[in-house]
Amino acid sequence: MQCPGQDSRYWSGEDVFEATCPNCGHSVEFFKDDSQQKCRGCGHRMLNPKMDFGCASYCPHAEQCLGSMPPELIAKQGDLFKDRVAIAMRRYFGPDARRIQHAMDVAGHAEAIAREQEGADMMVIMATAYLHDIGIKNAELKYNSSAAKHQHTEGPPVAKEILSELKAPQELIDEVCDIIGHHHAPRDEETLNFKVLYDADLIVNMLELYRKKPHTPEQLEKLLASSFMTEAGSREGRKTLTKHVH
């Protein structure tokens, strides 16, 4: 028996839709029952952002439906969540391409660092990476300032709203909001997830500063030796930043 939600006889005009690629911002067309599509803009394989298996908690045909899902798709549910957060971040920042690119860059480095860290929670780290500066918009509107203290105040409520709309687990929301609320100011004792985000953000900030005012090789070496909270972050920073020092 086919799930009524997947039977095209019951579809409406909203069941064919376009979504924004979280990687390049290109428009990707989906049919409701598409599990994934390849972005024509950058080649990123994007999972259907409207895919929601919450019905499995009550649908009598859930076992048949979920049983037909390819194992690789089930394994990629974390990627689906990550893509949804990236899309929500892009939507929130709108035309602010600089903030969007910063978040995308931090997310890329955070993912690379986290893969080398046993015990790192990739979903927490990626959600935090995409949303860590989400408070800037309100900070600039309210205080005409992007100072860290204002970001720390304004960021968590926005992140909580975004993640709640995505139906993220409460414990994930709590940890992401906690990290965003002090991501420029490490405490004496920090979680591994915080450290990964801190190092990824530091790499991007250092690179942005370098482009404005280049470091000497000696200055860069000093920064690389003393600034990072994880060994993997230091390695990622060295690999990234030494490419730009002549």
C-alpha atoms as a PDB file:
ATOM      1  CA  MET A   1       0.000   0.000   0.000  1.00  0.00           C
ATOM      2  CA  GLN A   2       1.364   3.402  -0.978  1.00  0.00           C
ATOM      3  CA  CYS A   3       1.543   6.108   1.662  1.00  0.00           C
ATOM      4  CA  PRO A   4      -1.186   8.674   0.834  1.00  0.00           C
ATOM      5  CA  GLY A   5       1.290  11.456   1.445  1.00  0.00           C
ATOM      6  CA  GLN A   6       3.489  10.096  -1.327  1.00  0.00           C
ATOM      7  CA  ASP A   7       0.650   9.323  -3.787  1.00  0.00           C
ATOM      8  CA  SER A   8       0.704  12.010  -6.508  1.00  0.00           C
ATOM      9  CA  ARG A   9      -3.080  11.752  -6.880  1.00  0.00           C
ATOM     10  CA  TYR A  10      -3.361  13.636  -3.585  1.00  0.00           C
ATOM     11  CA  TRP A  11      -0.764  16.298  -4.389  1.00  0.00           C
ATOM     12  CA  SER A  12      -1.398  20.025  -4.618  1.00  0.00           C
ATOM     13  CA  GLY A  13       0.541  22.784  -6.358  1.00  0.00           C
ATOM     14  CA  GLU A  14       2.761  23.116  -3.293  1.00  0.00           C
ATOM     15  CA  ASP A  15       4.129  19.615  -3.757  1.00  0.00           C
ATOM     16  CA  VAL A  16       6.474  20.765  -6.523  1.00  0.00           C
ATOM     17  CA  PHE A  17       8.687  23.500  -5.139  1.00  0.00           C
ATOM     18  CA  GLU A  18      12.045  25.220  -5.336  1.00  0.00           C
ATOM     19  CA  ALA A  19      14.629  25.323  -2.565  1.00  0.00           C
ATOM     20  CA  THR A  20      17.851  27.256  -2.179  1.00  0.00           C
ATOM     21  CA  CYS A  21      21.113  25.334  -2.363  1.00  0.00           C
ATOM     22  CA  PRO A  22      22.858  25.799   1.009  1.00  0.00           C
ATOM     23  CA  ASN A  23      26.232  25.758  -0.722  1.00  0.00           C
ATOM     24  CA  CYS A  24      25.850  28.336  -3.520  1.00  0.00           C
ATOM     25  CA  GLY A  25      22.365  29.828  -3.233  1.00  0.00           C
ATOM     26  CA  HIS A  26      21.205  28.446  -6.603  1.00  0.00           C
ATOM     27  CA  SER A  27      17.539  27.431  -6.953  1.00  0.00           C
ATOM     28  CA  VAL A  28      16.913  23.653  -6.973  1.00  0.00           C
ATOM     29  CA  GLU A  29      13.558  22.168  -8.036  1.00  0.00           C
ATOM     30  CA  PHE A  30      12.064  19.312  -6.027  1.00  0.00           C
ATOM     31  CA  PHE A  31       9.046  17.105  -6.406  1.00  0.00           C
ATOM     32  CA  LYS A  32       7.567  16.166  -3.045  1.00  0.00           C
ATOM     33  CA  ASP A  33       8.783  12.579  -3.254  1.00  0.00           C
ATOM     34  CA  ASP A  34      12.346  13.412  -4.368  1.00  0.00           C
ATOM     35  CA  SER A  35      14.769  12.334  -1.670  1.00  0.00           C
ATOM     36  CA  GLN A  36      17.582  14.444  -3.139  1.00  0.00           C
ATOM     37  CA  GLN A  37      18.554  16.505  -6.161  1.00  0.00           C
ATOM     38  CA  LYS A  38      21.862  17.699  -7.578  1.00  0.00           C
ATOM     39  CA  CYS A  39      22.335  21.468  -7.711  1.00  0.00           C
ATOM     40  CA  ARG A  40      23.009  22.613 -11.255  1.00  0.00           C
ATOM     41  CA  GLY A  41      24.924  25.582  -9.918  1.00  0.00           C
ATOM     42  CA  CYS A  42      27.658  23.869  -7.916  1.00  0.00           C
ATOM     43  CA  GLY A  43      27.005  20.123  -8.046  1.00  0.00           C
ATOM     44  CA  HIS A  44      26.120  19.843  -4.342  1.00  0.00           C
ATOM     45  CA  ARG A  45      23.819  16.863  -3.749  1.00  0.00           C
ATOM     46  CA  MET A  46      21.032  18.358  -1.699  1.00  0.00           C
ATOM     47  CA  LEU A  47      18.520  16.386   0.348  1.00  0.00           C
ATOM     48  CA  ASN A  48      14.878  17.399   0.119  1.00  0.00           C
ATOM     49  CA  PRO A  49      14.544  20.157   2.779  1.00  0.00           C
ATOM     50  CA  LYS A  50      10.831  19.429   3.263  1.00  0.00           C
ATOM     51  CA  MET A  51      11.375  15.772   3.993  1.00  0.00           C
ATOM     52  CA  ASP A  52       9.828  15.053   7.381  1.00  0.00           C
ATOM     53  CA  PHE A  53       9.298  11.589   8.778  1.00  0.00           C
ATOM     54  CA  GLY A  54       7.490  12.740  11.904  1.00  0.00           C
ATOM     55  CA  CYS A  55       4.444  10.862  10.595  1.00  0.00           C
ATOM     56  CA  ALA A  56       6.291   7.640  11.425  1.00  0.00           C
ATOM     57  CA  SER A  57       5.233   8.060  15.062  1.00  0.00           C
ATOM     58  CA  TYR A  58       1.590   7.406  14.193  1.00  0.00           C
ATOM     59  CA  CYS A  59       1.279   6.144  10.598  1.00  0.00           C
ATOM     60  CA  PRO A  60       0.333   2.421  10.420  1.00  0.00           C
ATOM     61  CA  HIS A  61       2.368   2.068   7.213  1.00  0.00           C
ATOM     62  CA  ALA A  62       5.524   3.682   8.647  1.00  0.00           C
ATOM     63  CA  GLU A  63       7.542   0.463   8.651  1.00  0.00           C
ATOM     64  CA  GLN A  64       6.830  -0.105   4.954  1.00  0.00           C
ATOM     65  CA  CYS A  65       7.646   3.502   4.101  1.00  0.00           C
ATOM     66  CA  LEU A  66      10.844   3.769   6.110  1.00  0.00           C
ATOM     67  CA  GLY A  67      11.892   0.297   5.124  1.00  0.00           C
ATOM     68  CA  SER A  68      11.996   1.389   1.496  1.00  0.00           C
ATOM     69  CA  MET A  69      14.416   4.203   2.227  1.00  0.00           C
ATOM     70  CA  PRO A  70      17.953   3.552   0.984  1.00  0.00           C
ATOM     71  CA  PRO A  71      20.418   3.081   3.863  1.00  0.00           C
ATOM     72  CA  GLU A  72      22.607   5.914   2.606  1.00  0.00           C
ATOM     73  CA  LEU A  73      19.650   8.294   2.848  1.00  0.00           C
ATOM     74  CA  ILE A  74      18.931   7.266   6.433  1.00  0.00           C
ATOM     75  CA  ALA A  75      22.615   7.818   7.205  1.00  0.00           C
ATOM     76  CA  LYS A  76      22.420  11.302   5.711  1.00  0.00           C
ATOM     77  CA  GLN A  77      19.652  12.603   7.954  1.00  0.00           C
ATOM     78  CA  GLY A  78      22.295  14.689   9.717  1.00  0.00           C
ATOM     79  CA  ASP A  79      23.180  16.225   6.353  1.00  0.00           C
ATOM     80  CA  LEU A  80      19.522  17.079   5.816  1.00  0.00           C
ATOM     81  CA  PHE A  81      19.426  18.919   9.133  1.00  0.00           C
ATOM     82  CA  LYS A  82      22.678  20.692   8.314  1.00  0.00           C
ATOM     83  CA  ASP A  83      21.306  21.835   4.957  1.00  0.00           C
ATOM     84  CA  ARG A  84      18.117  23.095   6.584  1.00  0.00           C
ATOM     85  CA  VAL A  85      20.093  25.186   9.070  1.00  0.00           C
ATOM     86  CA  ALA A  86      22.247  26.609   6.271  1.00  0.00           C
ATOM     87  CA  ILE A  87      19.157  27.547   4.258  1.00  0.00           C
ATOM     88  CA  ALA A  88      17.546  29.186   7.299  1.00  0.00           C
ATOM     89  CA  MET A  89      20.744  31.170   7.915  1.00  0.00           C
ATOM     90  CA  ARG A  90      20.813  32.366   4.292  1.00  0.00           C
ATOM     91  CA  ARG A  91      17.158  33.344   4.477  1.00  0.00           C
ATOM     92  CA  TYR A  92      17.697  35.270   7.722  1.00  0.00           C
ATOM     93  CA  PHE A  93      20.683  37.262   6.453  1.00  0.00           C
ATOM     94  CA  GLY A  94      18.992  37.894   3.089  1.00  0.00           C
ATOM     95  CA  PRO A  95      21.187  40.078   0.849  1.00  0.00           C
ATOM     96  CA  ASP A  96      24.047  40.238   3.366  1.00  0.00           C
ATOM     97  CA  ALA A  97      26.450  38.159   1.270  1.00  0.00           C
ATOM     98  CA  ARG A  98      29.431  38.893   3.534  1.00  0.00           C
ATOM     99  CA  ARG A  99      27.773  37.432   6.636  1.00  0.00           C
ATOM    100  CA  ILE A 100      26.534  34.430   4.693  1.00  0.00           C
ATOM    101  CA  GLN A 101      29.982  33.713   3.277  1.00  0.00           C
ATOM    102  CA  HIS A 102      31.564  34.057   6.712  1.00  0.00           C
ATOM    103  CA  ALA A 103      29.139  31.503   8.143  1.00  0.00           C
ATOM    104  CA  MET A 104      29.712  29.123   5.227  1.00  0.00           C
ATOM    105  CA  ASP A 105      33.492  29.400   5.624  1.00  0.00           C
ATOM    106  CA  VAL A 106      33.323  28.774   9.379  1.00  0.00           C
ATOM    107  CA  ALA A 107      31.084  25.763   8.783  1.00  0.00           C
ATOM    108  CA  GLY A 108      33.561  24.314   6.291  1.00  0.00           C
ATOM    109  CA  HIS A 109      36.471  24.570   8.712  1.00  0.00           C
ATOM    110  CA  ALA A 110      34.355  23.367  11.649  1.00  0.00           C
ATOM    111  CA  GLU A 111      33.401  20.228   9.751  1.00  0.00           C
ATOM    112  CA  ALA A 112      37.028  19.528   8.847  1.00  0.00           C
ATOM    113  CA  ILE A 113      38.176  19.983  12.453  1.00  0.00           C
ATOM    114  CA  ALA A 114      35.306  17.967  13.925  1.00  0.00           C
ATOM    115  CA  ARG A 115      36.092  14.974  11.715  1.00  0.00           C
ATOM    116  CA  GLU A 116      39.437  14.704  13.503  1.00  0.00           C
ATOM    117  CA  GLN A 117      37.933  14.940  16.987  1.00  0.00           C
ATOM    118  CA  GLU A 118      36.620  11.839  18.690  1.00  0.00           C
ATOM    119  CA  GLY A 119      33.513  12.710  20.681  1.00  0.00           C
ATOM    120  CA  ALA A 120      32.604  15.827  18.724  1.00  0.00           C
ATOM    121  CA  ASP A 121      28.867  16.205  18.014  1.00  0.00           C
ATOM    122  CA  MET A 122      28.715  17.092  14.330  1.00  0.00           C
ATOM    123  CA  MET A 123      25.084  18.252  14.418  1.00  0.00           C
ATOM    124  CA  VAL A 124      25.720  20.654  17.291  1.00  0.00           C
ATOM    125  CA  ILE A 125      28.920  21.913  15.704  1.00  0.00           C
ATOM    126  CA  MET A 126      27.435  22.508  12.258  1.00  0.00           C
ATOM    127  CA  ALA A 127      24.306  24.210  13.620  1.00  0.00           C
ATOM    128  CA  THR A 128      26.486  26.453  15.759  1.00  0.00           C
ATOM    129  CA  ALA A 129      28.856  27.202  12.886  1.00  0.00           C
ATOM    130  CA  TYR A 130      26.048  28.344  10.604  1.00  0.00           C
ATOM    131  CA  LEU A 131      24.332  30.360  13.352  1.00  0.00           C
ATOM    132  CA  HIS A 132      27.195  31.619  15.524  1.00  0.00           C
ATOM    133  CA  ASP A 133      26.942  35.219  14.239  1.00  0.00           C
ATOM    134  CA  ILE A 134      23.171  35.221  13.817  1.00  0.00           C
ATOM    135  CA  GLY A 135      22.868  37.953  16.473  1.00  0.00           C
ATOM    136  CA  ILE A 136      24.766  40.518  14.398  1.00  0.00           C
ATOM    137  CA  LYS A 137      21.694  41.654  12.485  1.00  0.00           C
ATOM    138  CA  ASN A 138      19.728  42.631  15.604  1.00  0.00           C
ATOM    139  CA  ALA A 139      22.844  43.963  17.322  1.00  0.00           C
ATOM    140  CA  GLU A 140      23.420  46.411  14.492  1.00  0.00           C
ATOM    141  CA  LEU A 141      19.738  47.362  14.371  1.00  0.00           C
ATOM    142  CA  LYS A 142      19.423  47.916  18.127  1.00  0.00           C
ATOM    143  CA  TYR A 143      22.873  49.212  19.064  1.00  0.00           C
ATOM    144  CA  ASN A 144      24.470  50.162  15.740  1.00  0.00           C
ATOM    145  CA  SER A 145      27.274  47.829  16.789  1.00  0.00           C
ATOM    146  CA  SER A 146      28.446  44.301  16.050  1.00  0.00           C
ATOM    147  CA  ALA A 147      30.407  44.100  19.310  1.00  0.00           C
ATOM    148  CA  ALA A 148      30.744  40.633  20.792  1.00  0.00           C
ATOM    149  CA  LYS A 149      28.690  41.458  23.902  1.00  0.00           C
ATOM    150  CA  HIS A 150      25.717  42.422  21.745  1.00  0.00           C
ATOM    151  CA  GLN A 151      26.089  39.340  19.548  1.00  0.00           C
ATOM    152  CA  HIS A 152      26.137  37.180  22.658  1.00  0.00           C
ATOM    153  CA  THR A 153      22.860  38.737  23.837  1.00  0.00           C
ATOM    154  CA  GLU A 154      21.003  38.883  20.549  1.00  0.00           C
ATOM    155  CA  GLY A 155      22.156  35.613  18.976  1.00  0.00           C
ATOM    156  CA  PRO A 156      20.621  32.907  21.192  1.00  0.00           C
ATOM    157  CA  PRO A 157      16.952  33.999  20.848  1.00  0.00           C
ATOM    158  CA  VAL A 158      17.226  34.043  17.037  1.00  0.00           C
ATOM    159  CA  ALA A 159      19.032  30.692  16.963  1.00  0.00           C
ATOM    160  CA  LYS A 160      16.425  29.187  19.297  1.00  0.00           C
ATOM    161  CA  GLU A 161      13.605  30.328  17.021  1.00  0.00           C
ATOM    162  CA  ILE A 162      15.294  28.950  13.892  1.00  0.00           C
ATOM    163  CA  LEU A 163      16.129  25.599  15.453  1.00  0.00           C
ATOM    164  CA  SER A 164      12.711  25.256  17.052  1.00  0.00           C
ATOM    165  CA  GLU A 165      11.078  25.766  13.651  1.00  0.00           C
ATOM    166  CA  LEU A 166      13.308  22.961  12.336  1.00  0.00           C
ATOM    167  CA  LYS A 167      12.102  20.736  15.203  1.00  0.00           C
ATOM    168  CA  ALA A 168      15.621  20.209  16.530  1.00  0.00           C
ATOM    169  CA  PRO A 169      15.948  18.306  19.832  1.00  0.00           C
ATOM    170  CA  GLN A 170      15.749  20.570  22.865  1.00  0.00           C
ATOM    171  CA  GLU A 171      19.158  19.484  24.168  1.00  0.00           C
ATOM    172  CA  LEU A 172      20.741  20.454  20.842  1.00  0.00           C
ATOM    173  CA  ILE A 173      18.998  23.842  20.904  1.00  0.00           C
ATOM    174  CA  ASP A 174      20.191  24.455  24.462  1.00  0.00           C
ATOM    175  CA  GLU A 175      23.813  23.641  23.678  1.00  0.00           C
ATOM    176  CA  VAL A 176      23.898  25.625  20.427  1.00  0.00           C
ATOM    177  CA  CYS A 177      22.398  28.672  22.128  1.00  0.00           C
ATOM    178  CA  ASP A 178      24.829  28.387  25.028  1.00  0.00           C
ATOM    179  CA  ILE A 179      27.820  28.336  22.673  1.00  0.00           C
ATOM    180  CA  ILE A 180      26.490  31.239  20.580  1.00  0.00           C
ATOM    181  CA  GLY A 181      25.916  33.203  23.780  1.00  0.00           C
ATOM    182  CA  HIS A 182      29.648  33.330  24.571  1.00  0.00           C
ATOM    183  CA  HIS A 183      31.422  32.165  21.410  1.00  0.00           C
ATOM    184  CA  HIS A 184      33.956  35.017  21.534  1.00  0.00           C
ATOM    185  CA  ALA A 185      34.701  34.498  25.231  1.00  0.00           C
ATOM    186  CA  PRO A 186      35.838  31.001  26.263  1.00  0.00           C
ATOM    187  CA  ARG A 187      35.171  29.975  29.851  1.00  0.00           C
ATOM    188  CA  ASP A 188      37.787  28.340  32.027  1.00  0.00           C
ATOM    189  CA  GLU A 189      36.339  24.933  31.153  1.00  0.00           C
ATOM    190  CA  GLU A 190      34.888  24.415  27.681  1.00  0.00           C
ATOM    191  CA  THR A 191      33.232  21.574  25.788  1.00  0.00           C
ATOM    192  CA  LEU A 192      34.859  20.018  22.756  1.00  0.00           C
ATOM    193  CA  ASN A 193      32.005  21.335  20.601  1.00  0.00           C
ATOM    194  CA  PHE A 194      32.743  24.899  21.729  1.00  0.00           C
ATOM    195  CA  LYS A 195      36.457  24.459  21.041  1.00  0.00           C
ATOM    196  CA  VAL A 196      35.855  23.240  17.498  1.00  0.00           C
ATOM    197  CA  LEU A 197      33.571  26.196  16.730  1.00  0.00           C
ATOM    198  CA  TYR A 198      36.002  28.647  18.335  1.00  0.00           C
ATOM    199  CA  ASP A 199      38.931  27.394  16.254  1.00  0.00           C
ATOM    200  CA  ALA A 200      36.942  27.408  13.002  1.00  0.00           C
ATOM    201  CA  ASP A 201      35.746  30.966  13.610  1.00  0.00           C
ATOM    202  CA  LEU A 202      39.278  32.007  14.533  1.00  0.00           C
ATOM    203  CA  ILE A 203      40.654  30.673  11.236  1.00  0.00           C
ATOM    204  CA  VAL A 204      38.160  32.682   9.193  1.00  0.00           C
ATOM    205  CA  ASN A 205      38.600  35.827  11.291  1.00  0.00           C
ATOM    206  CA  MET A 206      42.392  35.597  11.021  1.00  0.00           C
ATOM    207  CA  LEU A 207      42.159  35.141   7.268  1.00  0.00           C
ATOM    208  CA  GLU A 208      39.820  38.127   6.938  1.00  0.00           C
ATOM    209  CA  LEU A 209      42.215  40.254   9.002  1.00  0.00           C
ATOM    210  CA  TYR A 210      45.178  39.050   6.963  1.00  0.00           C
ATOM    211  CA  ARG A 211      43.523  40.211   3.758  1.00  0.00           C
ATOM    212  CA  LYS A 212      43.203  43.685   5.252  1.00  0.00           C
ATOM    213  CA  LYS A 213      46.631  43.767   6.870  1.00  0.00           C
ATOM    214  CA  PRO A 214      48.998  40.902   5.935  1.00  0.00           C
ATOM    215  CA  HIS A 215      51.003  39.216   8.683  1.00  0.00           C
ATOM    216  CA  THR A 216      54.671  38.485   8.394  1.00  0.00           C
ATOM    217  CA  PRO A 217      55.560  34.775   8.531  1.00  0.00           C
ATOM    218  CA  GLU A 218      56.878  35.347  12.059  1.00  0.00           C
ATOM    219  CA  GLN A 219      53.646  36.992  13.230  1.00  0.00           C
ATOM    220  CA  LEU A 220      51.591  34.198  11.713  1.00  0.00           C
ATOM    221  CA  GLU A 221      53.706  31.514  13.361  1.00  0.00           C
ATOM    222  CA  LYS A 222      53.228  33.154  16.749  1.00  0.00           C
ATOM    223  CA  LEU A 223      49.449  33.263  16.240  1.00  0.00           C
ATOM    224  CA  LEU A 224      49.295  29.649  15.100  1.00  0.00           C
ATOM    225  CA  ALA A 225      51.310  28.499  18.089  1.00  0.00           C
ATOM    226  CA  SER A 226      49.236  30.213  20.763  1.00  0.00           C
ATOM    227  CA  SER A 227      45.688  30.926  19.587  1.00  0.00           C
ATOM    228  CA  PHE A 228      43.890  27.630  19.014  1.00  0.00           C
ATOM    229  CA  MET A 229      42.016  25.455  21.494  1.00  0.00           C
ATOM    230  CA  THR A 230      42.511  22.119  19.681  1.00  0.00           C
ATOM    231  CA  GLU A 231      45.407  20.484  17.880  1.00  0.00           C
ATOM    232  CA  ALA A 232      43.155  19.756  14.924  1.00  0.00           C
ATOM    233  CA  GLY A 233      42.186  23.429  14.805  1.00  0.00           C
ATOM    234  CA  SER A 234      45.829  24.449  14.818  1.00  0.00           C
ATOM    235  CA  ARG A 235      46.563  22.084  11.935  1.00  0.00           C
ATOM    236  CA  GLU A 236      43.567  23.343   9.957  1.00  0.00           C
ATOM    237  CA  GLY A 237      44.604  26.932  10.654  1.00  0.00           C
ATOM    238  CA  ARG A 238      48.173  26.312   9.563  1.00  0.00           C
ATOM    239  CA  LYS A 239      47.057  24.566   6.369  1.00  0.00           C
ATOM    240  CA  THR A 240      44.640  27.393   5.526  1.00  0.00           C
ATOM    241  CA  LEU A 241      46.620  30.458   6.524  1.00  0.00           C
ATOM    242  CA  THR A 242      50.073  29.514   5.294  1.00  0.00           C
ATOM    243  CA  LYS A 243      48.688  29.445   1.758  1.00  0.00           C
ATOM    244  CA  HIS A 244      48.267  33.222   1.983  1.00  0.00           C
ATOM    245  CA  VAL A 245      51.632  34.185   3.466  1.00  0.00           C
ATOM    246  CA  HIS A 246      54.517  34.815   1.093  1.00  0.00           C
END
